[in-house]
Every structure is written in C-alpha cells, then in structure tokens.
Amino acid sequence: MSDLVKKPWGWENRFAITEKYLGKVIHINRGEMLSLQYHRQKDETIYIVEGVMDLQLEDDMGQMQTLRLAPGMSQRIRPGRKHRMIGIEDCEFFEVSTPEIDDVVRLEDKYGRQGTSTA
C-alpha cells in the first residue's frame, strides 16, 4: 500500500502505516520548507537519499541549531524537539517513525496552516 499526499512544499509517500511504525518518502522542493513543529509522542529518524536540506533542530539546551544534511546522512528527531526542514536543493529522504501520523504541533508555517497535519 502506498499513499501519495501532496503538500505545499512538495509531497510525501506513506509507504508503511502500521500500528507499530510509519514509513515515508518525503520530497521537499528547492526553496520550500516544512512547518516549524514538534511532536508530543512521535519519534522519527530521517535518512537523506537525494539533494541537500537544512534541518533546524532544537538541541539539549533548547537552542535551535542548523544541520546541513546531504545524501547518506541521517538524524534522529526525538519527541518534543522543535524542528523544521528546508530544501536547499530538491531533496528526498526516508522518514521512519513511531505510528502517530497526526502528532504535529505547528508553531510557524509559511503556508498559513495551523494545528496538526490534518488541519
């Protein structure tokens, strides 16, 4: 089963949705960005397969850091950590996570969206 979901910044292909885990391929268009967000429960790891992105990620001290990620690099994003992904180039990455697909708390959004991913 595969579920392609168009987003204002690109798209995501939800290729595995189970009660125990979630798997996606995510594409961010160059110059676009996801919301500044955090998850209450969802624990995720991303693995870059194509292109370059900046990951803005809150560190242990509550400060935002920018990590430049390229193919072959990965990063875990723990629950409660603010983060945002920015397409420096068109980029694609795998996201594997716990199954809370709608656990998104948006803090800022370039496209005017609020609430969760279903809003």
Protein backbone atom coordinates (compact mmCIF):
# COMPACT_ATOMS: atom_id res chain seq x y z
CA MET A 1 0.00 0.00 0.00
CA SER A 2 1.23 3.46 -0.84
CA ASP A 3 -0.45 6.80 -0.19
CA LEU A 4 0.90 9.88 -2.03
CA VAL A 5 -0.03 13.10 -0.23
CA LYS A 6 0.62 16.43 -1.96
CA LYS A 7 1.90 19.23 0.27
CA PRO A 8 2.53 22.94 -0.45
CA TRP A 9 6.28 22.27 -0.09
CA GLY A 10 6.38 19.02 -2.14
CA TRP A 11 4.91 15.62 -1.31
CA GLU A 12 5.11 12.60 0.94
CA ASN A 13 4.58 8.97 0.04
CA ARG A 14 3.35 6.99 3.03
CA PHE A 15 4.51 3.51 2.12
CA ALA A 16 4.08 1.83 5.51
CA ILE A 17 1.38 2.65 8.03
CA THR A 18 1.01 0.11 10.83
CA GLU A 19 0.07 0.16 14.50
CA LYS A 20 3.78 -0.06 15.39
CA TYR A 21 5.63 2.10 12.83
CA LEU A 22 5.30 4.58 9.95
CA GLY A 23 7.48 4.82 6.83
CA LYS A 24 7.50 7.71 4.35
CA VAL A 25 9.48 9.02 1.42
CA ILE A 26 9.36 12.83 1.57
CA HIS A 27 10.24 15.27 -1.23
CA ILE A 28 10.90 18.95 -0.49
CA ASN A 29 11.10 21.34 -3.44
CA ARG A 30 14.12 23.65 -3.55
CA GLY A 31 13.48 26.81 -1.54
CA GLU A 32 10.45 25.39 0.29
CA MET A 33 10.13 24.42 3.95
CA LEU A 34 8.03 22.41 6.33
CA SER A 35 6.43 23.97 9.40
CA LEU A 36 8.42 24.77 12.49
CA GLN A 37 6.90 21.98 14.57
CA TYR A 38 7.30 19.39 17.27
CA HIS A 39 5.69 16.08 18.12
CA ARG A 40 4.29 15.13 21.53
CA GLN A 41 4.89 11.38 21.05
CA LYS A 42 6.24 10.72 17.56
CA ASP A 43 9.91 9.70 17.48
CA GLU A 44 11.43 9.84 14.00
CA THR A 45 14.67 9.35 12.10
CA ILE A 46 15.35 10.73 8.64
CA TYR A 47 17.82 9.45 6.03
CA ILE A 48 18.71 11.69 3.06
CA VAL A 49 18.81 9.94 -0.33
CA GLU A 50 18.90 12.86 -2.78
CA GLY A 51 19.64 16.59 -2.65
CA VAL A 52 20.54 18.83 0.28
CA MET A 53 18.43 20.12 3.16
CA ASP A 54 18.91 22.25 6.23
CA LEU A 55 17.42 20.74 9.34
CA GLN A 56 16.73 23.29 12.05
CA LEU A 57 16.65 21.25 15.26
CA GLU A 58 16.35 22.19 18.91
CA ASP A 59 19.34 20.96 20.94
CA ASP A 60 19.51 19.73 24.56
CA MET A 61 19.78 23.34 25.79
CA GLY A 62 16.63 24.47 23.94
CA GLN A 63 18.62 26.35 21.28
CA MET A 64 17.88 25.97 17.57
CA GLN A 65 20.81 24.59 15.54
CA THR A 66 21.01 24.24 11.75
CA LEU A 67 22.38 20.98 10.37
CA ARG A 68 23.21 20.73 6.64
CA LEU A 69 22.24 17.21 5.54
CA ALA A 70 23.27 15.54 2.27
CA PRO A 71 22.81 12.03 0.81
CA GLY A 72 23.84 9.27 3.19
CA MET A 73 23.34 11.38 6.32
CA SER A 74 20.71 10.69 8.97
CA GLN A 75 19.32 12.40 12.05
CA ARG A 76 17.01 11.35 14.85
CA ILE A 77 14.32 13.80 15.96
CA ARG A 78 13.08 13.00 19.46
CA PRO A 79 9.59 13.84 20.74
CA GLY A 80 9.24 17.42 22.00
CA ARG A 81 12.14 18.79 19.91
CA LYS A 82 11.24 21.75 17.70
CA HIS A 83 12.37 21.25 14.12
CA ARG A 84 11.96 22.46 10.54
CA MET A 85 13.25 21.08 7.23
CA ILE A 86 14.28 23.41 4.40
CA GLY A 87 15.01 22.32 0.82
CA ILE A 88 18.37 23.84 -0.18
CA GLU A 89 18.05 21.73 -3.34
CA ASP A 90 15.19 19.48 -4.38
CA CYS A 91 15.66 16.71 -1.83
CA GLU A 92 14.20 13.36 -0.90
CA PHE A 93 14.56 11.43 2.30
CA PHE A 94 13.16 8.45 4.13
CA GLU A 95 11.39 9.05 7.42
CA VAL A 96 10.85 6.14 9.78
CA SER A 97 8.93 6.79 12.96
CA THR A 98 6.54 5.63 15.59
CA PRO A 99 2.97 5.49 14.21
CA GLU A 100 1.49 8.80 15.45
CA ILE A 101 0.86 10.19 11.94
CA ASP A 102 -1.17 13.23 13.10
CA ASP A 103 1.03 14.18 16.06
CA VAL A 104 2.17 17.55 14.65
CA VAL A 105 2.11 20.79 16.64
CA ARG A 106 2.78 23.66 14.24
CA LEU A 107 4.46 26.76 15.67
CA GLU A 108 5.07 28.64 12.38
CA ASP A 109 4.05 27.82 8.83
CA LYS A 110 4.99 29.59 5.59
CA TYR A 111 1.72 28.44 4.02
CA GLY A 112 -0.68 29.55 6.77
CA ARG A 113 -1.53 26.08 8.07
CA GLN A 114 -2.28 25.61 11.76
CA GLY A 115 -2.80 22.76 14.17
CA THR A 116 -1.96 19.22 13.10
CA SER A 117 -1.16 17.62 9.76
CA THR A 118 -4.89 17.00 9.21
CA ALA A 119 -5.79 20.70 9.66
